[in-house]
Amino acid sequence: MSASEEISETDKILFKYMGVRSPVVPAGCVITAGILGTGFWQFHKGNKKGSQLFMRARIVSQAITVGAMMLSLYAQAKQKRLGLI
């Protein structure tokens, strides 16, 4: 890491939550899978309205998880550039 590149407070927070050992992406995957399973269960029970609601929630959860993956990749690339990993 060069002397001109100091780690800002924002970067420290980014690295803490979205760095190499980020718990956000695995948690998002588990939450998405839980919503998907609940949606399938609602469909199996014949509750089409509830199933549709859970499938829409799955799309939102999946989008957030993919966004977290992209942010995590950015954070890891920045950590490598700074020589932290």
N, C-alpha and C. Protein backbone atom coordinates (compact mmCIF):
# COMPACT_ATOMS: atom_id res chain seq x y z
N MET A 1 0.85 -1.17 0.00
CA MET A 1 0.00 0.00 0.00
C MET A 1 0.90 1.23 0.00
N SER A 2 0.64 2.15 -0.90
CA SER A 2 1.45 3.35 -0.98
C SER A 2 1.01 4.35 0.09
N ALA A 3 1.90 5.29 0.35
CA ALA A 3 1.61 6.28 1.38
C ALA A 3 0.47 7.21 0.96
N SER A 4 0.28 7.38 -0.36
CA SER A 4 -0.78 8.28 -0.83
C SER A 4 -2.16 7.65 -0.72
N GLU A 5 -2.23 6.34 -0.58
CA GLU A 5 -3.52 5.66 -0.49
C GLU A 5 -3.77 5.23 0.95
N GLU A 6 -4.51 6.04 1.67
CA GLU A 6 -4.88 5.68 3.03
C GLU A 6 -6.29 5.10 3.02
N ILE A 7 -6.58 4.28 3.99
CA ILE A 7 -7.88 3.63 4.07
C ILE A 7 -8.84 4.55 4.81
N SER A 8 -9.92 4.92 4.13
CA SER A 8 -10.90 5.81 4.74
C SER A 8 -11.81 5.02 5.68
N GLU A 9 -12.58 5.74 6.47
CA GLU A 9 -13.54 5.09 7.38
C GLU A 9 -14.58 4.32 6.59
N THR A 10 -15.00 4.87 5.46
CA THR A 10 -15.97 4.19 4.60
C THR A 10 -15.41 2.86 4.11
N ASP A 11 -14.14 2.88 3.69
CA ASP A 11 -13.51 1.64 3.24
C ASP A 11 -13.39 0.62 4.37
N LYS A 12 -13.10 1.07 5.58
CA LYS A 12 -13.01 0.15 6.71
C LYS A 12 -14.34 -0.55 6.95
N ILE A 13 -15.43 0.21 6.86
CA ILE A 13 -16.76 -0.39 7.03
C ILE A 13 -17.06 -1.33 5.87
N LEU A 14 -16.73 -0.91 4.65
CA LEU A 14 -16.94 -1.75 3.47
C LEU A 14 -16.18 -3.06 3.60
N PHE A 15 -14.92 -3.00 4.02
CA PHE A 15 -14.11 -4.20 4.15
C PHE A 15 -14.62 -5.10 5.27
N LYS A 16 -15.14 -4.50 6.33
CA LYS A 16 -15.62 -5.29 7.46
C LYS A 16 -16.85 -6.13 7.07
N TYR A 17 -17.79 -5.49 6.37
CA TYR A 17 -19.05 -6.17 6.07
C TYR A 17 -19.10 -6.83 4.70
N MET A 18 -18.26 -6.40 3.77
CA MET A 18 -18.34 -6.94 2.42
C MET A 18 -17.00 -7.49 1.93
N GLY A 19 -16.05 -7.68 2.81
CA GLY A 19 -14.74 -8.16 2.42
C GLY A 19 -14.71 -9.66 2.20
N VAL A 20 -13.53 -10.23 2.35
CA VAL A 20 -13.31 -11.65 2.06
C VAL A 20 -14.18 -12.56 2.92
N ARG A 21 -14.32 -12.26 4.17
CA ARG A 21 -15.10 -13.11 5.09
C ARG A 21 -16.49 -12.52 5.35
N SER A 22 -17.09 -12.00 4.32
CA SER A 22 -18.39 -11.33 4.44
C SER A 22 -19.50 -12.31 4.78
N PRO A 23 -20.25 -12.05 5.85
CA PRO A 23 -21.38 -12.91 6.18
C PRO A 23 -22.65 -12.53 5.42
N VAL A 24 -22.62 -11.42 4.69
CA VAL A 24 -23.82 -10.89 4.04
C VAL A 24 -24.28 -11.78 2.89
N VAL A 25 -23.37 -12.20 2.04
CA VAL A 25 -23.74 -12.99 0.86
C VAL A 25 -24.29 -14.38 1.26
N PRO A 26 -23.62 -15.14 2.12
CA PRO A 26 -24.21 -16.42 2.53
C PRO A 26 -25.56 -16.25 3.23
N ALA A 27 -25.70 -15.22 4.05
CA ALA A 27 -26.98 -14.98 4.71
C ALA A 27 -28.06 -14.66 3.69
N GLY A 28 -27.73 -13.88 2.67
CA GLY A 28 -28.69 -13.57 1.62
C GLY A 28 -29.12 -14.81 0.85
N CYS A 29 -28.18 -15.72 0.62
CA CYS A 29 -28.52 -16.97 -0.07
C CYS A 29 -29.46 -17.83 0.78
N VAL A 30 -29.21 -17.90 2.07
CA VAL A 30 -30.07 -18.68 2.96
C VAL A 30 -31.47 -18.06 3.03
N ILE A 31 -31.53 -16.75 3.14
CA ILE A 31 -32.83 -16.07 3.19
C ILE A 31 -33.60 -16.28 1.90
N THR A 32 -32.92 -16.15 0.76
CA THR A 32 -33.58 -16.37 -0.54
C THR A 32 -34.10 -17.80 -0.64
N ALA A 33 -33.30 -18.77 -0.23
CA ALA A 33 -33.73 -20.17 -0.28
C ALA A 33 -34.92 -20.41 0.65
N GLY A 34 -34.92 -19.77 1.82
CA GLY A 34 -36.04 -19.91 2.74
C GLY A 34 -37.33 -19.35 2.17
N ILE A 35 -37.23 -18.19 1.53
CA ILE A 35 -38.41 -17.60 0.91
C ILE A 35 -38.90 -18.47 -0.24
N LEU A 36 -37.98 -19.00 -1.03
CA LEU A 36 -38.36 -19.88 -2.14
C LEU A 36 -39.06 -21.13 -1.62
N GLY A 37 -38.52 -21.75 -0.59
CA GLY A 37 -39.14 -22.94 -0.01
C GLY A 37 -40.52 -22.66 0.55
N THR A 38 -40.67 -21.51 1.20
CA THR A 38 -41.98 -21.14 1.73
C THR A 38 -42.97 -20.89 0.60
N GLY A 39 -42.51 -20.30 -0.49
CA GLY A 39 -43.38 -20.09 -1.64
C GLY A 39 -43.84 -21.41 -2.24
N PHE A 40 -42.91 -22.37 -2.34
CA PHE A 40 -43.29 -23.70 -2.85
C PHE A 40 -44.29 -24.37 -1.91
N TRP A 41 -44.07 -24.21 -0.61
CA TRP A 41 -44.98 -24.82 0.36
C TRP A 41 -46.37 -24.21 0.24
N GLN A 42 -46.45 -22.91 0.08
CA GLN A 42 -47.74 -22.24 -0.11
C GLN A 42 -48.43 -22.74 -1.38
N PHE A 43 -47.66 -22.94 -2.43
CA PHE A 43 -48.22 -23.46 -3.68
C PHE A 43 -48.74 -24.88 -3.49
N HIS A 44 -47.97 -25.68 -2.77
CA HIS A 44 -48.36 -27.06 -2.50
C HIS A 44 -49.67 -27.13 -1.71
N LYS A 45 -49.84 -26.19 -0.77
CA LYS A 45 -51.06 -26.15 0.03
C LYS A 45 -52.25 -25.61 -0.76
N GLY A 46 -52.02 -25.04 -1.92
CA GLY A 46 -53.09 -24.51 -2.74
C GLY A 46 -53.34 -23.02 -2.54
N ASN A 47 -52.49 -22.36 -1.79
CA ASN A 47 -52.63 -20.93 -1.54
C ASN A 47 -51.88 -20.17 -2.64
N LYS A 48 -52.55 -19.95 -3.75
CA LYS A 48 -51.89 -19.31 -4.89
C LYS A 48 -51.51 -17.86 -4.62
N LYS A 49 -52.36 -17.16 -3.88
CA LYS A 49 -52.05 -15.76 -3.57
C LYS A 49 -50.81 -15.66 -2.67
N GLY A 50 -50.74 -16.52 -1.66
CA GLY A 50 -49.57 -16.54 -0.78
C GLY A 50 -48.31 -16.96 -1.53
N SER A 51 -48.46 -17.93 -2.42
CA SER A 51 -47.33 -18.40 -3.22
C SER A 51 -46.80 -17.27 -4.10
N GLN A 52 -47.71 -16.54 -4.74
CA GLN A 52 -47.30 -15.43 -5.59
C GLN A 52 -46.58 -14.35 -4.78
N LEU A 53 -47.06 -14.08 -3.59
CA LEU A 53 -46.43 -13.09 -2.72
C LEU A 53 -45.00 -13.50 -2.37
N PHE A 54 -44.81 -14.78 -2.02
CA PHE A 54 -43.48 -15.25 -1.67
C PHE A 54 -42.55 -15.29 -2.89
N MET A 55 -43.08 -15.57 -4.07
CA MET A 55 -42.24 -15.56 -5.26
C MET A 55 -41.78 -14.14 -5.59
N ARG A 56 -42.64 -13.17 -5.35
CA ARG A 56 -42.23 -11.77 -5.55
C ARG A 56 -41.19 -11.37 -4.51
N ALA A 57 -41.38 -11.82 -3.28
CA ALA A 57 -40.39 -11.53 -2.24
C ALA A 57 -39.06 -12.20 -2.57
N ARG A 58 -39.10 -13.37 -3.18
CA ARG A 58 -37.87 -14.06 -3.57
C ARG A 58 -37.10 -13.24 -4.60
N ILE A 59 -37.81 -12.64 -5.54
CA ILE A 59 -37.15 -11.82 -6.56
C ILE A 59 -36.42 -10.65 -5.91
N VAL A 60 -37.06 -9.99 -4.97
CA VAL A 60 -36.44 -8.86 -4.26
C VAL A 60 -35.23 -9.34 -3.47
N SER A 61 -35.39 -10.43 -2.74
CA SER A 61 -34.30 -10.98 -1.95
C SER A 61 -33.13 -11.41 -2.83
N GLN A 62 -33.44 -12.01 -3.95
CA GLN A 62 -32.39 -12.46 -4.88
C GLN A 62 -31.66 -11.26 -5.46
N ALA A 63 -32.37 -10.20 -5.81
CA ALA A 63 -31.73 -8.99 -6.34
C ALA A 63 -30.80 -8.37 -5.31
N ILE A 64 -31.24 -8.31 -4.07
CA ILE A 64 -30.40 -7.76 -3.01
C ILE A 64 -29.14 -8.62 -2.81
N THR A 65 -29.31 -9.94 -2.87
CA THR A 65 -28.17 -10.85 -2.71
C THR A 65 -27.17 -10.69 -3.85
N VAL A 66 -27.65 -10.58 -5.08
CA VAL A 66 -26.75 -10.38 -6.22
C VAL A 66 -26.04 -9.04 -6.10
N GLY A 67 -26.75 -8.01 -5.66
CA GLY A 67 -26.11 -6.71 -5.42
C GLY A 67 -25.02 -6.81 -4.36
N ALA A 68 -25.29 -7.58 -3.31
CA ALA A 68 -24.29 -7.78 -2.25
C ALA A 68 -23.07 -8.53 -2.79
N MET A 69 -23.31 -9.48 -3.70
CA MET A 69 -22.20 -10.19 -4.32
C MET A 69 -21.31 -9.24 -5.13
N MET A 70 -21.95 -8.35 -5.89
CA MET A 70 -21.20 -7.40 -6.70
C MET A 70 -20.40 -6.44 -5.81
N LEU A 71 -21.03 -5.97 -4.74
CA LEU A 71 -20.34 -5.08 -3.80
C LEU A 71 -19.18 -5.80 -3.12
N SER A 72 -19.39 -7.07 -2.81
CA SER A 72 -18.33 -7.86 -2.18
C SER A 72 -17.15 -8.05 -3.13
N LEU A 73 -17.43 -8.30 -4.41
CA LEU A 73 -16.34 -8.42 -5.39
C LEU A 73 -15.56 -7.11 -5.51
N TYR A 74 -16.28 -6.00 -5.50
CA TYR A 74 -15.63 -4.69 -5.54
C TYR A 74 -14.73 -4.49 -4.32
N ALA A 75 -15.26 -4.82 -3.15
CA ALA A 75 -14.49 -4.65 -1.91
C ALA A 75 -13.24 -5.52 -1.92
N GLN A 76 -13.37 -6.75 -2.39
CA GLN A 76 -12.21 -7.65 -2.43
C GLN A 76 -11.17 -7.16 -3.43
N ALA A 77 -11.61 -6.64 -4.57
CA ALA A 77 -10.66 -6.10 -5.55
C ALA A 77 -9.93 -4.89 -4.97
N LYS A 78 -10.65 -4.06 -4.24
CA LYS A 78 -10.02 -2.89 -3.62
C LYS A 78 -9.04 -3.31 -2.53
N GLN A 79 -9.41 -4.35 -1.76
CA GLN A 79 -8.48 -4.85 -0.74
C GLN A 79 -7.21 -5.39 -1.38
N LYS A 80 -7.34 -6.09 -2.50
CA LYS A 80 -6.16 -6.62 -3.18
C LYS A 80 -5.29 -5.49 -3.71
N ARG A 81 -5.94 -4.47 -4.28
CA ARG A 81 -5.21 -3.33 -4.82
C ARG A 81 -4.43 -2.60 -3.73
N LEU A 82 -5.01 -2.54 -2.53
CA LEU A 82 -4.33 -1.88 -1.41
C LEU A 82 -3.34 -2.80 -0.71
N GLY A 83 -3.29 -4.07 -1.09
CA GLY A 83 -2.37 -5.00 -0.49
C GLY A 83 -2.80 -5.53 0.87
N LEU A 84 -4.10 -5.51 1.12
CA LEU A 84 -4.60 -5.97 2.42
C LEU A 84 -4.89 -7.46 2.43
N ILE A 85 -5.06 -8.06 1.27
CA ILE A 85 -5.26 -9.50 1.20
C ILE A 85 -4.37 -10.09 0.13
